């Protein structure tokens, strides 16, 4: 299922990511802003096997492809940073 771009795409990415991580455990933080700053590795929401699943599901849902460079970025480890990377890939047309 491809990603449907519309005026709410920023909200959609945030909601999708938070729901994905919340299915794996309690995301620390009281507000959305606090939750977006969470390092999901340190919070124990995902392990090395989960990363493969996460990447696959994100690429399929949003119709994008991560590159090796994205995995090495510090922001890849936070929910908000991941959201930003997804936004950049959508905006630059790095879709499947």
PDB file of N, CA and C in Angstrom:
ATOM      1  N   UNK A   1       0.853  -1.183   0.000  1.00  0.00           N
ATOM      2  CA  UNK A   1       0.000   0.000   0.000  1.00  0.00           C
ATOM      3  C   UNK A   1       0.887   1.230   0.000  1.00  0.00           C
ATOM      4  N   UNK A   2       0.758   2.069  -0.997  1.00  0.00           N
ATOM      5  CA  UNK A   2       1.569   3.277  -1.104  1.00  0.00           C
ATOM      6  C   UNK A   2       1.094   4.363  -0.166  1.00  0.00           C
ATOM      7  N   UNK A   3       1.920   5.339   0.001  1.00  0.00           N
ATOM      8  CA  UNK A   3       1.595   6.449   0.885  1.00  0.00           C
ATOM      9  C   UNK A   3       0.782   7.484   0.132  1.00  0.00           C
ATOM     10  N   UNK A   4      -0.304   7.907   0.707  1.00  0.00           N
ATOM     11  CA  UNK A   4      -1.184   8.896   0.106  1.00  0.00           C
ATOM     12  C   UNK A   4      -0.745  10.287   0.561  1.00  0.00           C
ATOM     13  N   UNK A   5      -0.185  11.081  -0.346  1.00  0.00           N
ATOM     14  CA  UNK A   5       0.266  12.422   0.033  1.00  0.00           C
ATOM     15  C   UNK A   5      -0.916  13.389   0.017  1.00  0.00           C
ATOM     16  N   UNK A   6      -1.040  14.120   1.075  1.00  0.00           N
ATOM     17  CA  UNK A   6      -2.036  15.175   1.168  1.00  0.00           C
ATOM     18  C   UNK A   6      -1.549  16.189   2.193  1.00  0.00           C
ATOM     19  N   UNK A   7      -2.377  17.179   2.504  1.00  0.00           N
ATOM     20  CA  UNK A   7      -1.942  18.249   3.406  1.00  0.00           C
ATOM     21  C   UNK A   7      -1.675  17.749   4.828  1.00  0.00           C
ATOM     22  N   UNK A   8      -2.123  16.562   5.176  1.00  0.00           N
ATOM     23  CA  UNK A   8      -1.933  16.028   6.520  1.00  0.00           C
ATOM     24  C   UNK A   8      -0.787  15.027   6.605  1.00  0.00           C
ATOM     25  N   UNK A   9       0.088  14.972   5.609  1.00  0.00           N
ATOM     26  CA  UNK A   9       1.090  13.920   5.597  1.00  0.00           C
ATOM     27  C   UNK A   9       2.026  13.962   6.801  1.00  0.00           C
ATOM     28  N   UNK A  10       2.345  15.135   7.339  1.00  0.00           N
ATOM     29  CA  UNK A  10       3.207  15.195   8.516  1.00  0.00           C
ATOM     30  C   UNK A  10       2.532  14.518   9.701  1.00  0.00           C
ATOM     31  N   UNK A  11       1.266  14.802   9.894  1.00  0.00           N
ATOM     32  CA  UNK A  11       0.513  14.170  10.974  1.00  0.00           C
ATOM     33  C   UNK A  11       0.435  12.665  10.737  1.00  0.00           C
ATOM     34  N   UNK A  12       0.189  12.263   9.510  1.00  0.00           N
ATOM     35  CA  UNK A  12       0.067  10.850   9.198  1.00  0.00           C
ATOM     36  C   UNK A  12       1.350  10.085   9.508  1.00  0.00           C
ATOM     37  N   UNK A  13       2.493  10.657   9.185  1.00  0.00           N
ATOM     38  CA  UNK A  13       3.769   9.988   9.470  1.00  0.00           C
ATOM     39  C   UNK A  13       3.962   9.844  10.973  1.00  0.00           C
ATOM     40  N   UNK A  14       3.679  10.900  11.698  1.00  0.00           N
ATOM     41  CA  UNK A  14       3.835  10.876  13.149  1.00  0.00           C
ATOM     42  C   UNK A  14       2.921   9.833  13.767  1.00  0.00           C
ATOM     43  N   UNK A  15       1.663   9.850  13.387  1.00  0.00           N
ATOM     44  CA  UNK A  15       0.703   8.894  13.941  1.00  0.00           C
ATOM     45  C   UNK A  15       1.103   7.466  13.581  1.00  0.00           C
ATOM     46  N   UNK A  16       1.459   7.242  12.309  1.00  0.00           N
ATOM     47  CA  UNK A  16       1.826   5.898  11.867  1.00  0.00           C
ATOM     48  C   UNK A  16       3.010   5.384  12.669  1.00  0.00           C
ATOM     49  N   UNK A  17       4.062   6.198  12.815  1.00  0.00           N
ATOM     50  CA  UNK A  17       5.253   5.768  13.546  1.00  0.00           C
ATOM     51  C   UNK A  17       4.951   5.515  15.021  1.00  0.00           C
ATOM     52  N   UNK A  18       4.212   6.419  15.654  1.00  0.00           N
ATOM     53  CA  UNK A  18       3.900   6.221  17.074  1.00  0.00           C
ATOM     54  C   UNK A  18       3.073   4.962  17.278  1.00  0.00           C
ATOM     55  N   UNK A  19       2.104   4.716  16.417  1.00  0.00           N
ATOM     56  CA  UNK A  19       1.307   3.493  16.537  1.00  0.00           C
ATOM     57  C   UNK A  19       2.180   2.260  16.338  1.00  0.00           C
ATOM     58  N   UNK A  20       3.093   2.311  15.358  1.00  0.00           N
ATOM     59  CA  UNK A  20       3.970   1.174  15.094  1.00  0.00           C
ATOM     60  C   UNK A  20       4.802   0.854  16.331  1.00  0.00           C
ATOM     61  N   UNK A  21       5.405   1.883  16.930  1.00  0.00           N
ATOM     62  CA  UNK A  21       6.238   1.655  18.110  1.00  0.00           C
ATOM     63  C   UNK A  21       5.405   1.289  19.331  1.00  0.00           C
ATOM     64  N   UNK A  22       4.217   1.863  19.473  1.00  0.00           N
ATOM     65  CA  UNK A  22       3.368   1.550  20.627  1.00  0.00           C
ATOM     66  C   UNK A  22       2.868   0.107  20.586  1.00  0.00           C
ATOM     67  N   UNK A  23       2.832  -0.502  19.419  1.00  0.00           N
ATOM     68  CA  UNK A  23       2.478  -1.921  19.325  1.00  0.00           C
ATOM     69  C   UNK A  23       3.584  -2.795  19.907  1.00  0.00           C
ATOM     70  N   UNK A  24       4.773  -2.239  20.064  1.00  0.00           N
ATOM     71  CA  UNK A  24       5.921  -2.987  20.561  1.00  0.00           C
ATOM     72  C   UNK A  24       6.237  -2.679  22.020  1.00  0.00           C
ATOM     73  N   UNK A  25       5.594  -1.677  22.576  1.00  0.00           N
ATOM     74  CA  UNK A  25       5.824  -1.331  23.977  1.00  0.00           C
ATOM     75  C   UNK A  25       5.412   0.097  24.263  1.00  0.00           C
ATOM     76  N   UNK A  26       5.453   0.449  25.520  1.00  0.00           N
ATOM     77  CA  UNK A  26       5.087   1.798  25.951  1.00  0.00           C
ATOM     78  C   UNK A  26       6.154   2.793  25.507  1.00  0.00           C
ATOM     79  N   UNK A  27       5.754   3.774  24.705  1.00  0.00           N
ATOM     80  CA  UNK A  27       6.686   4.813  24.266  1.00  0.00           C
ATOM     81  C   UNK A  27       6.750   5.859  25.375  1.00  0.00           C
ATOM     82  N   UNK A  28       7.939   6.081  25.952  1.00  0.00           N
ATOM     83  CA  UNK A  28       8.066   7.062  27.035  1.00  0.00           C
ATOM     84  C   UNK A  28       7.704   8.474  26.571  1.00  0.00           C
ATOM     85  N   UNK A  29       7.139   9.238  27.486  1.00  0.00           N
ATOM     86  CA  UNK A  29       6.810  10.634  27.212  1.00  0.00           C
ATOM     87  C   UNK A  29       5.337  10.901  27.420  1.00  0.00           C
ATOM     88  N   UNK A  30       5.055  12.113  27.846  1.00  0.00           N
ATOM     89  CA  UNK A  30       3.670  12.524  28.090  1.00  0.00           C
ATOM     90  C   UNK A  30       3.033  13.145  26.852  1.00  0.00           C
ATOM     91  N   UNK A  31       3.833  13.829  26.045  1.00  0.00           N
ATOM     92  CA  UNK A  31       3.316  14.523  24.869  1.00  0.00           C
ATOM     93  C   UNK A  31       3.885  13.896  23.604  1.00  0.00           C
ATOM     94  N   UNK A  32       3.285  14.218  22.472  1.00  0.00           N
ATOM     95  CA  UNK A  32       3.801  13.733  21.192  1.00  0.00           C
ATOM     96  C   UNK A  32       5.229  14.221  20.994  1.00  0.00           C
ATOM     97  N   UNK A  33       5.494  15.483  21.341  1.00  0.00           N
ATOM     98  CA  UNK A  33       6.829  16.038  21.180  1.00  0.00           C
ATOM     99  C   UNK A  33       7.863  15.248  21.979  1.00  0.00           C
ATOM    100  N   UNK A  34       7.520  14.873  23.210  1.00  0.00           N
ATOM    101  CA  UNK A  34       8.427  14.080  24.035  1.00  0.00           C
ATOM    102  C   UNK A  34       8.634  12.695  23.427  1.00  0.00           C
ATOM    103  N   UNK A  35       7.567  12.093  22.935  1.00  0.00           N
ATOM    104  CA  UNK A  35       7.660  10.760  22.340  1.00  0.00           C
ATOM    105  C   UNK A  35       8.519  10.766  21.080  1.00  0.00           C
ATOM    106  N   UNK A  36       8.473  11.851  20.317  1.00  0.00           N
ATOM    107  CA  UNK A  36       9.266  11.932  19.099  1.00  0.00           C
ATOM    108  C   UNK A  36      10.767  12.008  19.388  1.00  0.00           C
ATOM    109  N   UNK A  37      11.137  12.420  20.595  1.00  0.00           N
ATOM    110  CA  UNK A  37      12.548  12.515  20.973  1.00  0.00           C
ATOM    111  C   UNK A  37      13.110  11.193  21.497  1.00  0.00           C
ATOM    112  N   UNK A  38      12.258  10.208  21.660  1.00  0.00           N
ATOM    113  CA  UNK A  38      12.668   8.929  22.238  1.00  0.00           C
ATOM    114  C   UNK A  38      13.609   8.165  21.305  1.00  0.00           C
ATOM    115  N   UNK A  39      14.705   7.692  21.873  1.00  0.00           N
ATOM    116  CA  UNK A  39      15.602   6.782  21.166  1.00  0.00           C
ATOM    117  C   UNK A  39      14.991   5.393  21.361  1.00  0.00           C
ATOM    118  N   UNK A  40      14.449   4.834  20.292  1.00  0.00           N
ATOM    119  CA  UNK A  40      13.701   3.590  20.424  1.00  0.00           C
ATOM    120  C   UNK A  40      14.577   2.390  20.746  1.00  0.00           C
ATOM    121  N   UNK A  41      15.867   2.462  20.469  1.00  0.00           N
ATOM    122  CA  UNK A  41      16.785   1.386  20.879  1.00  0.00           C
ATOM    123  C   UNK A  41      16.965   1.424  22.401  1.00  0.00           C
ATOM    124  N   UNK A  42      17.291   2.624  22.922  1.00  0.00           N
ATOM    125  CA  UNK A  42      17.511   2.777  24.361  1.00  0.00           C
ATOM    126  C   UNK A  42      16.258   2.488  25.165  1.00  0.00           C
ATOM    127  N   UNK A  43      15.090   2.779  24.601  1.00  0.00           N
ATOM    128  CA  UNK A  43      13.818   2.539  25.296  1.00  0.00           C
ATOM    129  C   UNK A  43      13.405   1.071  25.233  1.00  0.00           C
ATOM    130  N   UNK A  44      14.182   0.258  24.504  1.00  0.00           N
ATOM    131  CA  UNK A  44      13.871  -1.164  24.410  1.00  0.00           C
ATOM    132  C   UNK A  44      12.661  -1.478  23.546  1.00  0.00           C
ATOM    133  N   UNK A  45      12.285  -0.555  22.666  1.00  0.00           N
ATOM    134  CA  UNK A  45      11.122  -0.770  21.813  1.00  0.00           C
ATOM    135  C   UNK A  45      11.434  -1.649  20.604  1.00  0.00           C
ATOM    136  N   UNK A  46      12.719  -1.797  20.312  1.00  0.00           N
ATOM    137  CA  UNK A  46      13.116  -2.518  19.117  1.00  0.00           C
ATOM    138  C   UNK A  46      14.518  -3.092  19.322  1.00  0.00           C
ATOM    139  N   UNK A  47      14.763  -4.232  18.707  1.00  0.00           N
ATOM    140  CA  UNK A  47      16.097  -4.818  18.737  1.00  0.00           C
ATOM    141  C   UNK A  47      16.603  -4.936  17.301  1.00  0.00           C
ATOM    142  N   UNK A  48      17.736  -5.576  17.114  1.00  0.00           N
ATOM    143  CA  UNK A  48      18.325  -5.642  15.775  1.00  0.00           C
ATOM    144  C   UNK A  48      17.427  -6.363  14.778  1.00  0.00           C
ATOM    145  N   UNK A  49      16.702  -7.378  15.235  1.00  0.00           N
ATOM    146  CA  UNK A  49      15.772  -8.068  14.333  1.00  0.00           C
ATOM    147  C   UNK A  49      14.578  -7.185  14.001  1.00  0.00           C
ATOM    148  N   UNK A  50      14.145  -6.407  14.979  1.00  0.00           N
ATOM    149  CA  UNK A  50      13.024  -5.501  14.779  1.00  0.00           C
ATOM    150  C   UNK A  50      13.320  -4.393  13.796  1.00  0.00           C
ATOM    151  N   UNK A  51      14.592  -4.012  13.684  1.00  0.00           N
ATOM    152  CA  UNK A  51      14.988  -2.960  12.749  1.00  0.00           C
ATOM    153  C   UNK A  51      14.665  -3.392  11.321  1.00  0.00           C
ATOM    154  N   UNK A  52      14.949  -4.642  11.004  1.00  0.00           N
ATOM    155  CA  UNK A  52      14.672  -5.151   9.655  1.00  0.00           C
ATOM    156  C   UNK A  52      13.178  -5.090   9.366  1.00  0.00           C
ATOM    157  N   UNK A  53      12.379  -5.508  10.327  1.00  0.00           N
ATOM    158  CA  UNK A  53      10.928  -5.452  10.176  1.00  0.00           C
ATOM    159  C   UNK A  53      10.452  -4.007  10.021  1.00  0.00           C
ATOM    160  N   UNK A  54      10.983  -3.113  10.853  1.00  0.00           N
ATOM    161  CA  UNK A  54      10.598  -1.705  10.809  1.00  0.00           C
ATOM    162  C   UNK A  54      10.918  -1.097   9.448  1.00  0.00           C
ATOM    163  N   UNK A  55      12.141  -1.314   8.971  1.00  0.00           N
ATOM    164  CA  UNK A  55      12.554  -0.751   7.689  1.00  0.00           C
ATOM    165  C   UNK A  55      11.645  -1.251   6.572  1.00  0.00           C
ATOM    166  N   UNK A  56      11.395  -2.536   6.563  1.00  0.00           N
ATOM    167  CA  UNK A  56      10.551  -3.138   5.530  1.00  0.00           C
ATOM    168  C   UNK A  56       9.149  -2.541   5.540  1.00  0.00           C
ATOM    169  N   UNK A  57       8.554  -2.440   6.719  1.00  0.00           N
ATOM    170  CA  UNK A  57       7.194  -1.911   6.824  1.00  0.00           C
ATOM    171  C   UNK A  57       7.125  -0.430   6.462  1.00  0.00           C
ATOM    172  N   UNK A  58       8.109   0.340   6.879  1.00  0.00           N
ATOM    173  CA  UNK A  58       8.133   1.772   6.537  1.00  0.00           C
ATOM    174  C   UNK A  58       8.285   1.952   5.033  1.00  0.00           C
ATOM    175  N   UNK A  59       9.232   1.225   4.436  1.00  0.00           N
ATOM    176  CA  UNK A  59       9.451   1.361   2.994  1.00  0.00           C
ATOM    177  C   UNK A  59       8.198   0.974   2.213  1.00  0.00           C
ATOM    178  N   UNK A  60       7.545  -0.088   2.650  1.00  0.00           N
ATOM    179  CA  UNK A  60       6.334  -0.516   1.945  1.00  0.00           C
ATOM    180  C   UNK A  60       5.199   0.491   2.113  1.00  0.00           C
ATOM    181  N   UNK A  61       4.959   0.927   3.342  1.00  0.00           N
ATOM    182  CA  UNK A  61       3.831   1.827   3.602  1.00  0.00           C
ATOM    183  C   UNK A  61       4.003   3.187   2.927  1.00  0.00           C
ATOM    184  N   UNK A  62       5.204   3.754   3.045  1.00  0.00           N
ATOM    185  CA  UNK A  62       5.429   5.099   2.524  1.00  0.00           C
ATOM    186  C   UNK A  62       5.962   5.114   1.095  1.00  0.00           C
ATOM    187  N   UNK A  63       6.270   3.941   0.540  1.00  0.00           N
ATOM    188  CA  UNK A  63       6.743   3.864  -0.837  1.00  0.00           C
ATOM    189  C   UNK A  63       8.100   4.511  -1.033  1.00  0.00           C
ATOM    190  N   UNK A  64       8.999   4.304  -0.061  1.00  0.00           N
ATOM    191  CA  UNK A  64      10.335   4.906  -0.111  1.00  0.00           C
ATOM    192  C   UNK A  64      11.395   3.816  -0.014  1.00  0.00           C
ATOM    193  N   UNK A  65      12.643   4.210  -0.209  1.00  0.00           N
ATOM    194  CA  UNK A  65      13.783   3.315  -0.007  1.00  0.00           C
ATOM    195  C   UNK A  65      14.833   4.028   0.818  1.00  0.00           C
ATOM    196  N   UNK A  66      15.167   3.444   1.954  1.00  0.00           N
ATOM    197  CA  UNK A  66      16.274   3.972   2.750  1.00  0.00           C
ATOM    198  C   UNK A  66      17.585   3.591   2.070  1.00  0.00           C
ATOM    199  N   UNK A  67      18.620   4.384   2.320  1.00  0.00           N
ATOM    200  CA  UNK A  67      19.958   4.030   1.849  1.00  0.00           C
ATOM    201  C   UNK A  67      20.831   3.754   3.072  1.00  0.00           C
ATOM    202  N   UNK A  68      21.986   3.192   2.829  1.00  0.00           N
ATOM    203  CA  UNK A  68      22.950   2.906   3.898  1.00  0.00           C
ATOM    204  C   UNK A  68      23.248   4.168   4.711  1.00  0.00           C
ATOM    205  N   UNK A  69      23.300   5.300   4.043  1.00  0.00           N
ATOM    206  CA  UNK A  69      23.607   6.576   4.711  1.00  0.00           C
ATOM    207  C   UNK A  69      22.566   6.908   5.783  1.00  0.00           C
ATOM    208  N   UNK A  70      21.309   6.596   5.527  1.00  0.00           N
ATOM    209  CA  UNK A  70      20.256   6.888   6.512  1.00  0.00           C
ATOM    210  C   UNK A  70      20.450   6.087   7.795  1.00  0.00           C
ATOM    211  N   UNK A  71      20.867   4.837   7.668  1.00  0.00           N
ATOM    212  CA  UNK A  71      21.039   3.992   8.844  1.00  0.00           C
ATOM    213  C   UNK A  71      22.181   4.472   9.730  1.00  0.00           C
ATOM    214  N   UNK A  72      23.111   5.217   9.165  1.00  0.00           N
ATOM    215  CA  UNK A  72      24.259   5.704   9.912  1.00  0.00           C
ATOM    216  C   UNK A  72      24.018   7.061  10.566  1.00  0.00           C
ATOM    217  N   UNK A  73      22.926   7.717  10.208  1.00  0.00           N
ATOM    218  CA  UNK A  73      22.617   9.026  10.794  1.00  0.00           C
ATOM    219  C   UNK A  73      22.147   8.859  12.234  1.00  0.00           C
ATOM    220  N   UNK A  74      22.577   9.774  13.089  1.00  0.00           N
ATOM    221  CA  UNK A  74      22.165   9.730  14.501  1.00  0.00           C
ATOM    222  C   UNK A  74      20.653   9.838  14.651  1.00  0.00           C
ATOM    223  N   UNK A  75      20.050  10.649  13.815  1.00  0.00           N
ATOM    224  CA  UNK A  75      18.604  10.876  13.959  1.00  0.00           C
ATOM    225  C   UNK A  75      17.784   9.642  13.605  1.00  0.00           C
ATOM    226  N   UNK A  76      18.372   8.664  12.935  1.00  0.00           N
ATOM    227  CA  UNK A  76      17.666   7.431  12.599  1.00  0.00           C
ATOM    228  C   UNK A  76      17.209   6.697  13.863  1.00  0.00           C
ATOM    229  N   UNK A  77      17.872   6.942  14.993  1.00  0.00           N
ATOM    230  CA  UNK A  77      17.577   6.235  16.239  1.00  0.00           C
ATOM    231  C   UNK A  77      16.428   6.834  17.039  1.00  0.00           C
ATOM    232  N   UNK A  78      15.899   7.978  16.616  1.00  0.00           N
ATOM    233  CA  UNK A  78      14.758   8.561  17.327  1.00  0.00           C
ATOM    234  C   UNK A  78      13.526   8.531  16.431  1.00  0.00           C
ATOM    235  N   UNK A  79      12.382   8.494  17.049  1.00  0.00           N
ATOM    236  CA  UNK A  79      11.136   8.446  16.289  1.00  0.00           C
ATOM    237  C   UNK A  79      10.978   9.709  15.451  1.00  0.00           C
ATOM    238  N   UNK A  80      11.266  10.866  16.028  1.00  0.00           N
ATOM    239  CA  UNK A  80      11.166  12.124  15.295  1.00  0.00           C
ATOM    240  C   UNK A  80      12.176  12.222  14.163  1.00  0.00           C
ATOM    241  N   UNK A  81      13.391  11.741  14.401  1.00  0.00           N
ATOM    242  CA  UNK A  81      14.408  11.747  13.356  1.00  0.00           C
ATOM    243  C   UNK A  81      14.021  10.839  12.206  1.00  0.00           C
ATOM    244  N   UNK A  82      13.454   9.704  12.544  1.00  0.00           N
ATOM    245  CA  UNK A  82      12.980   8.779  11.525  1.00  0.00           C
ATOM    246  C   UNK A  82      11.874   9.422  10.696  1.00  0.00           C
ATOM    247  N   UNK A  83      10.983  10.131  11.371  1.00  0.00           N
ATOM    248  CA  UNK A  83       9.906  10.853  10.676  1.00  0.00           C
ATOM    249  C   UNK A  83      10.486  11.882   9.713  1.00  0.00           C
ATOM    250  N   UNK A  84      11.522  12.586  10.142  1.00  0.00           N
ATOM    251  CA  UNK A  84      12.153  13.593   9.284  1.00  0.00           C
ATOM    252  C   UNK A  84      12.800  12.959   8.056  1.00  0.00           C
ATOM    253  N   UNK A  85      13.469  11.834   8.256  1.00  0.00           N
ATOM    254  CA  UNK A  85      14.086  11.136   7.125  1.00  0.00           C
ATOM    255  C   UNK A  85      13.019  10.687   6.128  1.00  0.00           C
ATOM    256  N   UNK A  86      11.929  10.145   6.629  1.00  0.00           N
ATOM    257  CA  UNK A  86      10.827   9.722   5.752  1.00  0.00           C
ATOM    258  C   UNK A  86      10.304  10.918   4.969  1.00  0.00           C
ATOM    259  N   UNK A  87      10.109  12.052   5.651  1.00  0.00           N
ATOM    260  CA  UNK A  87       9.623  13.265   4.979  1.00  0.00           C
ATOM    261  C   UNK A  87      10.562  13.690   3.864  1.00  0.00           C
ATOM    262  N   UNK A  88      11.856  13.667   4.148  1.00  0.00           N
ATOM    263  CA  UNK A  88      12.841  14.068   3.136  1.00  0.00           C
ATOM    264  C   UNK A  88      12.810  13.133   1.930  1.00  0.00           C
ATOM    265  N   UNK A  89      12.694  11.838   2.184  1.00  0.00           N
ATOM    266  CA  UNK A  89      12.643  10.882   1.080  1.00  0.00           C
ATOM    267  C   UNK A  89      11.391  11.075   0.223  1.00  0.00           C
ATOM    268  N   UNK A  90      10.276  11.363   0.873  1.00  0.00           N
ATOM    269  CA  UNK A  90       9.033  11.624   0.131  1.00  0.00           C
ATOM    270  C   UNK A  90       9.162  12.918  -0.664  1.00  0.00           C
ATOM    271  N   UNK A  91       9.703  13.960  -0.011  1.00  0.00           N
ATOM    272  CA  UNK A  91       9.822  15.270  -0.663  1.00  0.00           C
ATOM    273  C   UNK A  91      10.799  15.268  -1.831  1.00  0.00           C
ATOM    274  N   UNK A  92      11.861  14.454  -1.750  1.00  0.00           N
ATOM    275  CA  UNK A  92      12.836  14.415  -2.831  1.00  0.00           C
ATOM    276  C   UNK A  92      12.495  13.371  -3.892  1.00  0.00           C
ATOM    277  N   UNK A  93      11.390  12.677  -3.678  1.00  0.00           N
ATOM    278  CA  UNK A  93      10.951  11.691  -4.665  1.00  0.00           C
ATOM    279  C   UNK A  93      11.768  10.430  -4.690  1.00  0.00           C
ATOM    280  N   UNK A  94      12.404  10.090  -3.560  1.00  0.00           N
ATOM    281  CA  UNK A  94      13.190   8.848  -3.488  1.00  0.00           C
ATOM    282  C   UNK A  94      12.258   7.680  -3.167  1.00  0.00           C
ATOM    283  N   UNK A  95      11.242   7.572  -3.997  1.00  0.00           N
ATOM    284  CA  UNK A  95      10.233   6.542  -3.796  1.00  0.00           C
ATOM    285  C   UNK A  95      10.606   5.285  -4.568  1.00  0.00           C
ATOM    286  N   UNK A  96       9.902   4.231  -4.260  1.00  0.00           N
ATOM    287  CA  UNK A  96      10.094   2.960  -4.969  1.00  0.00           C
ATOM    288  C   UNK A  96       9.600   3.091  -6.398  1.00  0.00           C
TER     289      UNK A  96
END
